[in-house]
Amino acid sequence: MNNSTLHTLLSILKAEYPKWKVPVVTLIAERSNDPYQVLISTVLSLRTKDEVTIEASRSLFARATTPAQMLKLSAETIQQLIYPTGFYKTKSENLRRISQILLDEYAGNVPDNLDALLKLPGVGRKTANLTITLGFGKPGICVDTHVHRISNRFGYIKTKTPDESEMVLREKLPQEWWIPINDILVAFGQGICKPISPFCSKCKVSHICERHGVGKSR
């Protein structure tokens, strides 16, 4: 699949996007316009369903929306507020450690630098890129399981891991799609392009998709 075909495909999906469920971190970014809340909610979202993440974020941000406020909460209190997110005990410790580092090294601000973000506890490339794109509106490509899987299913890339997909997309994907591709493909993947037996009969781009790896569809 070349860039011209991909542009057509993503333009169609972008028009369909308002019909789908918006990814939870995107909702938080739109409501808060705060890089810290984007960073924290993304950490909470790891290995956690969206409906759990939104409730945990709401509970936590009712008590703390800055690093200083977060450090006033004990790890046990944070655990109670974010339960039942996946690995909530580890996440509670990481949230306190992240907040302390931000206060000590960045005057309480979230850095808009990928390398700096990757040094924070519990922050991987997905979290760092999402913080940069949604928190600061800066160019970045957030590749989660949906972006990795669907980009390969389209036939646009051929990679084995999300990290490899990010590197290939940085080389190949036109920059106009760097920020929106995550929102579009996450919503598309949750609602239509399922990992197993995708809803190809409902898909507006089935005539373009190369359907790599699709054995059975609905």
N, C-alpha and C. Protein backbone atom coordinates (compact mmCIF):
# COMPACT_ATOMS: atom_id res chain seq x y z
N MET A 1 0.85 -1.19 0.00
CA MET A 1 0.00 0.00 0.00
C MET A 1 0.89 1.25 0.00
N ASN A 2 0.65 2.16 -0.94
CA ASN A 2 1.45 3.38 -1.00
C ASN A 2 0.79 4.50 -0.20
N ASN A 3 1.48 5.63 -0.11
CA ASN A 3 0.98 6.74 0.71
C ASN A 3 -0.31 7.35 0.16
N SER A 4 -0.47 7.35 -1.14
CA SER A 4 -1.68 7.89 -1.73
C SER A 4 -2.90 7.07 -1.32
N THR A 5 -2.75 5.75 -1.38
CA THR A 5 -3.85 4.87 -0.97
C THR A 5 -4.11 4.99 0.52
N LEU A 6 -3.04 5.07 1.31
CA LEU A 6 -3.22 5.23 2.75
C LEU A 6 -3.93 6.53 3.08
N HIS A 7 -3.59 7.60 2.38
CA HIS A 7 -4.24 8.89 2.61
C HIS A 7 -5.75 8.77 2.35
N THR A 8 -6.12 8.11 1.29
CA THR A 8 -7.54 7.90 0.99
C THR A 8 -8.21 7.10 2.09
N LEU A 9 -7.55 6.03 2.53
CA LEU A 9 -8.08 5.15 3.56
C LEU A 9 -8.27 5.90 4.88
N LEU A 10 -7.24 6.61 5.32
CA LEU A 10 -7.33 7.32 6.60
C LEU A 10 -8.31 8.48 6.53
N SER A 11 -8.45 9.10 5.38
CA SER A 11 -9.44 10.18 5.23
C SER A 11 -10.85 9.64 5.40
N ILE A 12 -11.11 8.46 4.86
CA ILE A 12 -12.42 7.82 5.03
C ILE A 12 -12.66 7.50 6.51
N LEU A 13 -11.66 6.92 7.16
CA LEU A 13 -11.81 6.56 8.57
C LEU A 13 -11.95 7.80 9.46
N LYS A 14 -11.26 8.88 9.10
CA LYS A 14 -11.37 10.12 9.86
C LYS A 14 -12.81 10.65 9.81
N ALA A 15 -13.46 10.51 8.66
CA ALA A 15 -14.85 10.94 8.53
C ALA A 15 -15.79 10.06 9.35
N GLU A 16 -15.42 8.79 9.52
CA GLU A 16 -16.23 7.85 10.30
C GLU A 16 -15.97 7.97 11.80
N TYR A 17 -14.83 8.52 12.16
CA TYR A 17 -14.37 8.57 13.56
C TYR A 17 -15.41 9.12 14.54
N PRO A 18 -16.15 10.19 14.22
CA PRO A 18 -17.13 10.70 15.19
C PRO A 18 -18.21 9.70 15.60
N LYS A 19 -18.38 8.64 14.83
CA LYS A 19 -19.39 7.63 15.14
C LYS A 19 -18.91 6.64 16.19
N TRP A 20 -17.60 6.63 16.43
CA TRP A 20 -17.01 5.62 17.29
C TRP A 20 -16.71 6.18 18.68
N LYS A 21 -16.37 5.29 19.57
CA LYS A 21 -16.01 5.66 20.94
C LYS A 21 -14.62 6.30 20.96
N VAL A 22 -14.54 7.51 21.49
CA VAL A 22 -13.26 8.23 21.53
C VAL A 22 -12.35 7.60 22.59
N PRO A 23 -11.07 7.37 22.27
CA PRO A 23 -10.14 6.82 23.26
C PRO A 23 -10.11 7.67 24.53
N VAL A 24 -10.00 7.01 25.67
CA VAL A 24 -10.17 7.68 26.96
C VAL A 24 -9.14 8.77 27.20
N VAL A 25 -7.88 8.55 26.84
CA VAL A 25 -6.85 9.56 27.09
C VAL A 25 -7.11 10.80 26.23
N THR A 26 -7.64 10.59 25.05
CA THR A 26 -8.00 11.73 24.19
C THR A 26 -9.08 12.57 24.85
N LEU A 27 -10.06 11.92 25.44
CA LEU A 27 -11.12 12.64 26.15
C LEU A 27 -10.54 13.48 27.28
N ILE A 28 -9.64 12.89 28.05
CA ILE A 28 -9.02 13.60 29.18
C ILE A 28 -8.20 14.78 28.67
N ALA A 29 -7.47 14.58 27.57
CA ALA A 29 -6.67 15.66 26.99
C ALA A 29 -7.57 16.81 26.53
N GLU A 30 -8.69 16.47 25.92
CA GLU A 30 -9.61 17.52 25.44
C GLU A 30 -10.23 18.29 26.59
N ARG A 31 -10.50 17.60 27.69
CA ARG A 31 -11.15 18.26 28.83
C ARG A 31 -10.17 19.08 29.66
N SER A 32 -8.95 18.59 29.82
CA SER A 32 -8.02 19.23 30.74
C SER A 32 -7.02 20.15 30.06
N ASN A 33 -6.62 19.79 28.84
CA ASN A 33 -5.55 20.53 28.14
C ASN A 33 -4.31 20.65 29.04
N ASP A 34 -4.01 19.56 29.75
CA ASP A 34 -2.94 19.56 30.76
C ASP A 34 -2.01 18.37 30.52
N PRO A 35 -0.75 18.60 30.15
CA PRO A 35 0.18 17.50 29.91
C PRO A 35 0.33 16.55 31.10
N TYR A 36 0.26 17.08 32.33
CA TYR A 36 0.41 16.21 33.50
C TYR A 36 -0.74 15.21 33.57
N GLN A 37 -1.95 15.68 33.36
CA GLN A 37 -3.09 14.78 33.41
C GLN A 37 -3.06 13.78 32.25
N VAL A 38 -2.58 14.21 31.10
CA VAL A 38 -2.42 13.28 29.98
C VAL A 38 -1.41 12.20 30.33
N LEU A 39 -0.27 12.61 30.89
CA LEU A 39 0.76 11.65 31.28
C LEU A 39 0.24 10.66 32.31
N ILE A 40 -0.39 11.16 33.35
CA ILE A 40 -0.86 10.29 34.43
C ILE A 40 -1.96 9.36 33.95
N SER A 41 -2.90 9.87 33.17
CA SER A 41 -4.00 9.02 32.70
C SER A 41 -3.49 7.96 31.73
N THR A 42 -2.44 8.28 30.97
CA THR A 42 -1.87 7.28 30.07
C THR A 42 -1.19 6.18 30.86
N VAL A 43 -0.49 6.53 31.92
CA VAL A 43 0.10 5.52 32.79
C VAL A 43 -0.99 4.63 33.37
N LEU A 44 -2.09 5.23 33.80
CA LEU A 44 -3.20 4.46 34.36
C LEU A 44 -3.83 3.52 33.32
N SER A 45 -3.81 3.94 32.07
CA SER A 45 -4.52 3.18 31.02
C SER A 45 -3.82 1.90 30.61
N LEU A 46 -2.55 1.74 30.97
CA LEU A 46 -1.80 0.57 30.55
C LEU A 46 -2.41 -0.70 31.14
N ARG A 47 -2.69 -1.67 30.28
CA ARG A 47 -3.29 -2.95 30.67
C ARG A 47 -4.63 -2.75 31.39
N THR A 48 -5.37 -1.75 30.97
CA THR A 48 -6.62 -1.42 31.65
C THR A 48 -7.68 -1.01 30.63
N LYS A 49 -8.91 -1.44 30.85
CA LYS A 49 -10.01 -1.07 29.96
C LYS A 49 -10.33 0.42 30.09
N ASP A 50 -10.82 1.00 29.01
CA ASP A 50 -11.10 2.43 28.98
C ASP A 50 -12.07 2.86 30.07
N GLU A 51 -13.13 2.07 30.29
CA GLU A 51 -14.13 2.47 31.28
C GLU A 51 -13.55 2.49 32.69
N VAL A 52 -12.58 1.62 32.95
CA VAL A 52 -11.91 1.61 34.26
C VAL A 52 -10.96 2.80 34.35
N THR A 53 -10.25 3.07 33.27
CA THR A 53 -9.31 4.19 33.26
C THR A 53 -10.01 5.52 33.50
N ILE A 54 -11.14 5.74 32.87
CA ILE A 54 -11.83 7.02 33.00
C ILE A 54 -12.32 7.22 34.43
N GLU A 55 -12.80 6.17 35.07
CA GLU A 55 -13.26 6.28 36.46
C GLU A 55 -12.09 6.50 37.41
N ALA A 56 -11.00 5.77 37.17
CA ALA A 56 -9.83 5.91 38.03
C ALA A 56 -9.24 7.32 37.88
N SER A 57 -9.17 7.81 36.65
CA SER A 57 -8.64 9.15 36.41
C SER A 57 -9.52 10.21 37.07
N ARG A 58 -10.82 10.04 36.95
CA ARG A 58 -11.75 11.00 37.57
C ARG A 58 -11.57 11.03 39.09
N SER A 59 -11.46 9.85 39.68
CA SER A 59 -11.29 9.79 41.14
C SER A 59 -9.97 10.41 41.58
N LEU A 60 -8.90 10.09 40.83
CA LEU A 60 -7.58 10.59 41.20
C LEU A 60 -7.47 12.09 40.99
N PHE A 61 -7.97 12.59 39.87
CA PHE A 61 -7.83 14.02 39.57
C PHE A 61 -8.77 14.88 40.42
N ALA A 62 -9.72 14.26 41.07
CA ALA A 62 -10.54 15.00 42.03
C ALA A 62 -9.72 15.35 43.27
N ARG A 63 -8.62 14.62 43.48
CA ARG A 63 -7.75 14.85 44.64
C ARG A 63 -6.42 15.47 44.27
N ALA A 64 -5.94 15.23 43.05
CA ALA A 64 -4.60 15.71 42.68
C ALA A 64 -4.49 15.92 41.19
N THR A 65 -4.17 17.14 40.80
CA THR A 65 -3.95 17.45 39.38
C THR A 65 -2.57 18.06 39.12
N THR A 66 -1.72 18.07 40.14
CA THR A 66 -0.35 18.57 40.01
C THR A 66 0.59 17.61 40.72
N PRO A 67 1.88 17.62 40.38
CA PRO A 67 2.84 16.76 41.08
C PRO A 67 2.84 17.00 42.59
N ALA A 68 2.77 18.26 43.00
CA ALA A 68 2.80 18.57 44.43
C ALA A 68 1.59 17.97 45.14
N GLN A 69 0.44 18.09 44.54
CA GLN A 69 -0.77 17.52 45.14
C GLN A 69 -0.69 16.00 45.18
N MET A 70 -0.12 15.40 44.13
CA MET A 70 -0.01 13.94 44.09
C MET A 70 0.86 13.43 45.24
N LEU A 71 1.93 14.15 45.55
CA LEU A 71 2.84 13.70 46.60
C LEU A 71 2.26 13.86 48.00
N LYS A 72 1.19 14.60 48.11
CA LYS A 72 0.50 14.70 49.40
C LYS A 72 -0.35 13.47 49.69
N LEU A 73 -0.56 12.66 48.66
CA LEU A 73 -1.33 11.42 48.82
C LEU A 73 -0.38 10.26 49.07
N SER A 74 -0.73 9.40 49.98
CA SER A 74 0.07 8.21 50.24
C SER A 74 -0.13 7.21 49.10
N ALA A 75 0.80 6.28 48.98
CA ALA A 75 0.66 5.23 47.96
C ALA A 75 -0.63 4.45 48.19
N GLU A 76 -0.97 4.22 49.45
CA GLU A 76 -2.19 3.47 49.76
C GLU A 76 -3.44 4.23 49.31
N THR A 77 -3.44 5.54 49.52
CA THR A 77 -4.59 6.35 49.09
C THR A 77 -4.72 6.33 47.57
N ILE A 78 -3.59 6.46 46.89
CA ILE A 78 -3.61 6.43 45.42
C ILE A 78 -4.12 5.07 44.93
N GLN A 79 -3.69 4.01 45.59
CA GLN A 79 -4.16 2.67 45.22
C GLN A 79 -5.68 2.58 45.32
N GLN A 80 -6.23 3.12 46.40
CA GLN A 80 -7.68 3.09 46.58
C GLN A 80 -8.39 3.90 45.49
N LEU A 81 -7.79 5.01 45.10
CA LEU A 81 -8.42 5.87 44.10
C LEU A 81 -8.37 5.28 42.69
N ILE A 82 -7.30 4.55 42.37
CA ILE A 82 -7.15 4.05 41.00
C ILE A 82 -7.56 2.59 40.84
N TYR A 83 -7.88 1.91 41.93
CA TYR A 83 -8.35 0.52 41.84
C TYR A 83 -9.65 0.48 41.03
N PRO A 84 -9.85 -0.49 40.11
CA PRO A 84 -9.05 -1.70 39.84
C PRO A 84 -8.23 -1.63 38.56
N THR A 85 -7.52 -0.54 38.29
CA THR A 85 -6.65 -0.53 37.12
C THR A 85 -5.61 -1.64 37.24
N GLY A 86 -5.15 -2.14 36.10
CA GLY A 86 -4.14 -3.19 36.12
C GLY A 86 -2.87 -2.74 36.81
N PHE A 87 -2.30 -3.62 37.65
CA PHE A 87 -1.05 -3.33 38.36
C PHE A 87 -1.15 -2.03 39.17
N TYR A 88 -2.29 -1.84 39.82
CA TYR A 88 -2.55 -0.56 40.50
C TYR A 88 -1.54 -0.26 41.61
N LYS A 89 -0.99 -1.29 42.25
CA LYS A 89 -0.01 -1.04 43.31
C LYS A 89 1.30 -0.48 42.72
N THR A 90 1.75 -1.10 41.65
CA THR A 90 2.96 -0.60 40.98
C THR A 90 2.73 0.79 40.41
N LYS A 91 1.55 1.02 39.82
CA LYS A 91 1.24 2.32 39.25
C LYS A 91 1.20 3.41 40.32
N SER A 92 0.69 3.08 41.49
CA SER A 92 0.63 4.10 42.55
C SER A 92 2.03 4.55 42.94
N GLU A 93 2.97 3.62 43.02
CA GLU A 93 4.36 3.97 43.34
C GLU A 93 4.98 4.80 42.21
N ASN A 94 4.70 4.38 40.97
CA ASN A 94 5.26 5.11 39.83
C ASN A 94 4.72 6.53 39.74
N LEU A 95 3.44 6.72 40.05
CA LEU A 95 2.86 8.07 40.00
C LEU A 95 3.54 8.99 41.01
N ARG A 96 3.85 8.48 42.18
CA ARG A 96 4.55 9.28 43.17
C ARG A 96 5.99 9.56 42.73
N ARG A 97 6.65 8.56 42.18
CA ARG A 97 8.04 8.74 41.73
C ARG A 97 8.11 9.71 40.56
N ILE A 98 7.17 9.59 39.61
CA ILE A 98 7.11 10.53 38.49
C ILE A 98 6.93 11.95 38.99
N SER A 99 6.00 12.11 39.92
CA SER A 99 5.69 13.44 40.44
C SER A 99 6.90 14.05 41.15
N GLN A 100 7.64 13.22 41.90
CA GLN A 100 8.83 13.71 42.60
C GLN A 100 9.90 14.14 41.61
N ILE A 101 10.10 13.35 40.57
CA ILE A 101 11.10 13.71 39.55
C ILE A 101 10.71 15.00 38.84
N LEU A 102 9.44 15.16 38.53
CA LEU A 102 8.98 16.39 37.86
C LEU A 102 9.24 17.61 38.73
N LEU A 103 9.03 17.47 40.03
CA LEU A 103 9.29 18.59 40.95
C LEU A 103 10.79 18.85 41.08
N ASP A 104 11.57 17.79 41.20
CA ASP A 104 13.00 17.93 41.45
C ASP A 104 13.77 18.42 40.22
N GLU A 105 13.36 17.95 39.04
CA GLU A 105 14.17 18.19 37.84
C GLU A 105 13.53 19.12 36.81
N TYR A 106 12.22 19.32 36.91
CA TYR A 106 11.54 20.09 35.86
C TYR A 106 10.60 21.16 36.42
N ALA A 107 10.85 21.57 37.66
CA ALA A 107 10.05 22.63 38.30
C ALA A 107 8.56 22.31 38.29
N GLY A 108 8.25 21.01 38.36
CA GLY A 108 6.85 20.60 38.41
C GLY A 108 6.18 20.48 37.06
N ASN A 109 6.94 20.72 35.99
CA ASN A 109 6.37 20.65 34.64
C ASN A 109 6.70 19.32 33.97
N VAL A 110 5.85 18.90 33.05
CA VAL A 110 6.11 17.70 32.27
C VAL A 110 7.02 18.07 31.09
N PRO A 111 8.12 17.37 30.90
CA PRO A 111 8.99 17.69 29.75
C PRO A 111 8.31 17.31 28.44
N ASP A 112 8.56 18.08 27.39
CA ASP A 112 7.99 17.78 26.08
C ASP A 112 9.02 17.12 25.18
N ASN A 113 9.92 16.39 25.81
CA ASN A 113 11.04 15.75 25.14
C ASN A 113 10.92 14.23 25.30
N LEU A 114 10.96 13.51 24.20
CA LEU A 114 10.75 12.07 24.24
C LEU A 114 11.77 11.37 25.13
N ASP A 115 13.04 11.71 25.01
CA ASP A 115 14.07 11.06 25.80
C ASP A 115 13.87 11.30 27.29
N ALA A 116 13.49 12.51 27.66
CA ALA A 116 13.25 12.82 29.07
C ALA A 116 12.05 12.05 29.60
N LEU A 117 11.01 11.95 28.82
CA LEU A 117 9.82 11.22 29.25
C LEU A 117 10.11 9.74 29.43
N LEU A 118 10.94 9.19 28.57
CA LEU A 118 11.25 7.76 28.64
C LEU A 118 12.07 7.40 29.87
N LYS A 119 12.65 8.39 30.53
CA LYS A 119 13.41 8.13 31.76
C LYS A 119 12.50 8.06 32.99
N LEU A 120 11.24 8.45 32.84
CA LEU A 120 10.32 8.43 33.97
C LEU A 120 9.86 7.01 34.25
N PRO A 121 9.66 6.66 35.53
CA PRO A 121 9.25 5.30 35.89
C PRO A 121 7.91 4.91 35.26
N GLY A 122 7.88 3.73 34.65
CA GLY A 122 6.64 3.23 34.09
C GLY A 122 6.23 3.86 32.78
N VAL A 123 7.11 4.67 32.19
CA VAL A 123 6.79 5.36 30.93
C VAL A 123 7.53 4.70 29.78
N GLY A 124 6.77 4.11 28.86
CA GLY A 124 7.35 3.53 27.65
C GLY A 124 7.10 4.44 26.46
N ARG A 125 7.40 3.94 25.29
CA ARG A 125 7.30 4.77 24.09
C ARG A 125 5.85 5.18 23.80
N LYS A 126 4.91 4.28 24.02
CA LYS A 126 3.50 4.62 23.80
C LYS A 126 3.09 5.79 24.68
N THR A 127 3.38 5.69 25.97
CA THR A 127 3.01 6.74 26.92
C THR A 127 3.71 8.05 26.60
N ALA A 128 5.00 7.97 26.29
CA ALA A 128 5.76 9.18 25.99
C ALA A 128 5.23 9.87 24.74
N ASN A 129 4.98 9.10 23.69
CA ASN A 129 4.48 9.70 22.45
C ASN A 129 3.08 10.28 22.62
N LEU A 130 2.24 9.59 23.39
CA LEU A 130 0.89 10.10 23.61
C LEU A 130 0.92 11.39 24.41
N THR A 131 1.83 11.50 25.36
CA THR A 131 1.98 12.73 26.13
C THR A 131 2.43 13.88 25.24
N ILE A 132 3.35 13.60 24.34
CA ILE A 132 3.85 14.63 23.42
C ILE A 132 2.77 15.09 22.45
N THR A 133 2.03 14.12 21.88
CA THR A 133 1.04 14.48 20.86
C THR A 133 -0.21 15.10 21.46
N LEU A 134 -0.75 14.49 22.51
CA LEU A 134 -1.99 14.98 23.10
C LEU A 134 -1.75 16.07 24.15
N GLY A 135 -0.63 15.97 24.86
CA GLY A 135 -0.35 16.95 25.90
C GLY A 135 0.21 18.26 25.37
N PHE A 136 1.01 18.15 24.31
CA PHE A 136 1.69 19.34 23.78
C PHE A 136 1.35 19.66 22.33
N GLY A 137 0.66 18.74 21.64
CA GLY A 137 0.34 18.96 20.24
C GLY A 137 1.55 18.95 19.34
N LYS A 138 2.62 18.29 19.79
CA LYS A 138 3.86 18.21 19.00
C LYS A 138 3.88 16.92 18.19
N PRO A 139 4.60 16.90 17.08
CA PRO A 139 4.65 15.70 16.25
C PRO A 139 5.19 14.49 16.99
N GLY A 140 4.54 13.39 16.81
CA GLY A 140 4.94 12.12 17.40
C GLY A 140 4.01 11.05 16.88
N ILE A 141 4.43 9.81 16.96
CA ILE A 141 3.59 8.71 16.52
C ILE A 141 3.42 7.75 17.69
N CYS A 142 2.22 7.70 18.22
CA CYS A 142 1.93 6.77 19.31
C CYS A 142 1.46 5.45 18.70
N VAL A 143 2.22 4.41 18.94
CA VAL A 143 1.89 3.09 18.38
C VAL A 143 1.54 2.14 19.51
N ASP A 144 0.25 1.83 19.61
CA ASP A 144 -0.18 0.80 20.56
C ASP A 144 -0.52 -0.45 19.76
N THR A 145 -1.15 -1.42 20.41
CA THR A 145 -1.44 -2.68 19.72
C THR A 145 -2.36 -2.50 18.52
N HIS A 146 -3.29 -1.52 18.60
CA HIS A 146 -4.21 -1.29 17.48
C HIS A 146 -3.47 -0.72 16.27
N VAL A 147 -2.67 0.30 16.50
CA VAL A 147 -1.94 0.93 15.39
C VAL A 147 -0.99 -0.08 14.75
N HIS A 148 -0.29 -0.84 15.57
CA HIS A 148 0.63 -1.86 15.07
C HIS A 148 -0.11 -2.91 14.25
N ARG A 149 -1.17 -3.45 14.81
CA ARG A 149 -1.90 -4.54 14.17
C ARG A 149 -2.58 -4.09 12.87
N ILE A 150 -3.26 -2.94 12.92
CA ILE A 150 -4.05 -2.52 11.77
C ILE A 150 -3.16 -1.99 10.64
N SER A 151 -2.08 -1.31 10.96
CA SER A 151 -1.15 -0.85 9.92
C SER A 151 -0.59 -2.03 9.14
N ASN A 152 -0.33 -3.13 9.85
CA ASN A 152 0.12 -4.35 9.18
C ASN A 152 -1.01 -5.01 8.41
N ARG A 153 -2.20 -5.00 8.97
CA ARG A 153 -3.36 -5.60 8.29
C ARG A 153 -3.67 -4.87 7.00
N PHE A 154 -3.54 -3.56 7.00
CA PHE A 154 -3.74 -2.77 5.78
C PHE A 154 -2.75 -3.16 4.69
N GLY A 155 -1.56 -3.62 5.11
CA GLY A 155 -0.48 -3.87 4.16
C GLY A 155 0.41 -2.66 3.96
N TYR A 156 0.27 -1.67 4.86
CA TYR A 156 1.08 -0.46 4.74
C TYR A 156 2.50 -0.69 5.25
N ILE A 157 2.62 -1.48 6.31
CA ILE A 157 3.93 -1.84 6.85
C ILE A 157 3.97 -3.35 7.09
N LYS A 158 5.15 -3.85 7.35
CA LYS A 158 5.32 -5.26 7.66
C LYS A 158 6.30 -5.35 8.81
N THR A 159 5.79 -5.39 10.04
CA THR A 159 6.63 -5.36 11.24
C THR A 159 6.13 -6.39 12.25
N LYS A 160 6.97 -6.63 13.25
CA LYS A 160 6.64 -7.66 14.24
C LYS A 160 6.28 -7.11 15.61
N THR A 161 6.69 -5.87 15.92
CA THR A 161 6.43 -5.30 17.24
C THR A 161 5.96 -3.85 17.11
N PRO A 162 5.25 -3.34 18.13
CA PRO A 162 4.86 -1.93 18.10
C PRO A 162 6.04 -0.98 17.99
N ASP A 163 7.12 -1.26 18.70
CA ASP A 163 8.30 -0.37 18.62
C ASP A 163 8.87 -0.35 17.21
N GLU A 164 8.93 -1.51 16.57
CA GLU A 164 9.42 -1.56 15.19
C GLU A 164 8.46 -0.80 14.28
N SER A 165 7.16 -0.94 14.54
CA SER A 165 6.17 -0.22 13.74
C SER A 165 6.35 1.28 13.85
N GLU A 166 6.63 1.76 15.06
CA GLU A 166 6.83 3.20 15.24
C GLU A 166 7.99 3.69 14.40
N MET A 167 9.09 2.96 14.42
CA MET A 167 10.27 3.39 13.67
C MET A 167 10.00 3.40 12.16
N VAL A 168 9.29 2.38 11.67
CA VAL A 168 8.98 2.32 10.24
C VAL A 168 7.99 3.43 9.86
N LEU A 169 6.99 3.67 10.69
CA LEU A 169 6.02 4.72 10.42
C LEU A 169 6.67 6.10 10.44
N ARG A 170 7.64 6.31 11.31
CA ARG A 170 8.35 7.59 11.34
C ARG A 170 9.07 7.85 10.02
N GLU A 171 9.50 6.79 9.35
CA GLU A 171 10.19 6.93 8.08
C GLU A 171 9.21 7.07 6.92
N LYS A 172 8.06 6.41 7.02
CA LYS A 172 7.17 6.26 5.86
C LYS A 172 5.91 7.12 5.92
N LEU A 173 5.35 7.30 7.10
CA LEU A 173 4.05 7.96 7.22
C LEU A 173 4.16 9.48 7.05
N PRO A 174 3.37 10.09 6.16
CA PRO A 174 3.37 11.55 6.04
C PRO A 174 3.03 12.21 7.37
N GLN A 175 3.72 13.30 7.71
CA GLN A 175 3.61 13.88 9.04
C GLN A 175 2.20 14.38 9.36
N GLU A 176 1.41 14.68 8.37
CA GLU A 176 0.04 15.15 8.64
C GLU A 176 -0.79 14.09 9.38
N TRP A 177 -0.36 12.83 9.29
CA TRP A 177 -1.11 11.75 9.94
C TRP A 177 -0.46 11.28 11.24
N TRP A 178 0.69 11.83 11.61
CA TRP A 178 1.39 11.37 12.80
C TRP A 178 0.52 11.44 14.05
N ILE A 179 -0.08 12.58 14.32
CA ILE A 179 -0.87 12.72 15.54
C ILE A 179 -2.22 12.01 15.44
N PRO A 180 -2.99 12.18 14.36
CA PRO A 180 -4.33 11.59 14.34
C PRO A 180 -4.37 10.08 14.16
N ILE A 181 -3.29 9.45 13.70
CA ILE A 181 -3.39 8.02 13.39
C ILE A 181 -3.73 7.18 14.62
N ASN A 182 -3.23 7.57 15.79
CA ASN A 182 -3.53 6.79 16.98
C ASN A 182 -5.01 6.84 17.33
N ASP A 183 -5.57 8.03 17.42
CA ASP A 183 -7.00 8.15 17.74
C ASP A 183 -7.86 7.39 16.73
N ILE A 184 -7.56 7.58 15.45
CA ILE A 184 -8.37 6.96 14.41
C ILE A 184 -8.30 5.43 14.49
N LEU A 185 -7.10 4.88 14.56
CA LEU A 185 -6.97 3.43 14.52
C LEU A 185 -7.34 2.76 15.83
N VAL A 186 -7.18 3.44 16.96
CA VAL A 186 -7.64 2.87 18.23
C VAL A 186 -9.17 2.75 18.22
N ALA A 187 -9.84 3.82 17.84
CA ALA A 187 -11.30 3.78 17.79
C ALA A 187 -11.78 2.77 16.75
N PHE A 188 -11.14 2.75 15.60
CA PHE A 188 -11.46 1.81 14.54
C PHE A 188 -11.23 0.37 14.99
N GLY A 189 -10.13 0.14 15.70
CA GLY A 189 -9.80 -1.20 16.17
C GLY A 189 -10.72 -1.70 17.26
N GLN A 190 -11.18 -0.79 18.10
CA GLN A 190 -12.09 -1.18 19.18
C GLN A 190 -13.50 -1.47 18.66
N GLY A 191 -13.90 -0.73 17.62
CA GLY A 191 -15.27 -0.87 17.17
C GLY A 191 -15.49 -1.73 15.94
N ILE A 192 -14.56 -1.71 14.99
CA ILE A 192 -14.76 -2.40 13.71
C ILE A 192 -13.68 -3.44 13.42
N CYS A 193 -12.43 -2.99 13.44
CA CYS A 193 -11.32 -3.85 13.01
C CYS A 193 -10.77 -4.63 14.19
N LYS A 194 -11.59 -5.57 14.67
CA LYS A 194 -11.23 -6.37 15.85
C LYS A 194 -10.03 -7.27 15.53
N PRO A 195 -9.28 -7.66 16.57
CA PRO A 195 -8.13 -8.54 16.34
C PRO A 195 -8.53 -9.87 15.70
N ILE A 196 -9.63 -10.44 16.20
CA ILE A 196 -10.12 -11.71 15.67
C ILE A 196 -11.51 -11.48 15.08
N SER A 197 -11.72 -11.95 13.88
CA SER A 197 -13.00 -11.83 13.18
C SER A 197 -13.49 -10.38 13.12
N PRO A 198 -12.77 -9.53 12.41
CA PRO A 198 -13.16 -8.12 12.28
C PRO A 198 -14.48 -7.99 11.49
N PHE A 199 -15.14 -6.85 11.68
CA PHE A 199 -16.41 -6.59 10.99
C PHE A 199 -16.16 -6.02 9.60
N CYS A 200 -15.59 -6.82 8.71
CA CYS A 200 -15.27 -6.35 7.37
C CYS A 200 -16.53 -5.95 6.60
N SER A 201 -17.67 -6.57 6.92
CA SER A 201 -18.92 -6.25 6.22
C SER A 201 -19.41 -4.85 6.55
N LYS A 202 -18.96 -4.30 7.71
CA LYS A 202 -19.35 -2.95 8.12
C LYS A 202 -18.28 -1.91 7.80
N CYS A 203 -17.14 -2.37 7.35
CA CYS A 203 -15.98 -1.50 7.20
C CYS A 203 -16.06 -0.68 5.92
N LYS A 204 -15.83 0.62 6.05
CA LYS A 204 -15.89 1.53 4.91
C LYS A 204 -14.63 1.48 4.05
N VAL A 205 -13.60 0.79 4.54
CA VAL A 205 -12.36 0.73 3.76
C VAL A 205 -11.99 -0.71 3.39
N SER A 206 -12.94 -1.62 3.46
CA SER A 206 -12.66 -3.02 3.16
C SER A 206 -12.21 -3.21 1.71
N HIS A 207 -12.64 -2.30 0.83
CA HIS A 207 -12.27 -2.39 -0.58
C HIS A 207 -10.83 -1.94 -0.83
N ILE A 208 -10.23 -1.30 0.18
CA ILE A 208 -8.85 -0.83 0.05
C ILE A 208 -7.90 -1.70 0.86
N CYS A 209 -8.36 -2.18 1.99
CA CYS A 209 -7.53 -2.95 2.92
C CYS A 209 -7.06 -4.26 2.28
N GLU A 210 -5.80 -4.59 2.48
CA GLU A 210 -5.23 -5.83 1.94
C GLU A 210 -5.53 -7.03 2.83
N ARG A 211 -6.01 -6.77 4.05
CA ARG A 211 -6.51 -7.82 4.97
C ARG A 211 -5.46 -8.88 5.30
N HIS A 212 -4.23 -8.43 5.49
CA HIS A 212 -3.17 -9.37 5.87
C HIS A 212 -3.47 -10.01 7.23
N GLY A 213 -3.39 -11.31 7.31
CA GLY A 213 -3.60 -12.01 8.56
C GLY A 213 -5.04 -12.23 8.95
N VAL A 214 -5.97 -11.79 8.12
CA VAL A 214 -7.40 -11.98 8.44
C VAL A 214 -7.83 -13.34 7.91
N GLY A 215 -8.16 -14.22 8.84
CA GLY A 215 -8.64 -15.56 8.44
C GLY A 215 -10.14 -15.59 8.33
N LYS A 216 -10.81 -15.10 9.38
CA LYS A 216 -12.28 -15.09 9.42
C LYS A 216 -12.75 -13.69 9.72
N SER A 217 -13.81 -13.27 9.08
CA SER A 217 -14.38 -11.94 9.32
C SER A 217 -15.88 -12.04 9.40
N ARG A 218 -16.48 -10.93 9.86
CA ARG A 218 -17.95 -10.88 9.94
C ARG A 218 -18.48 -9.82 9.01
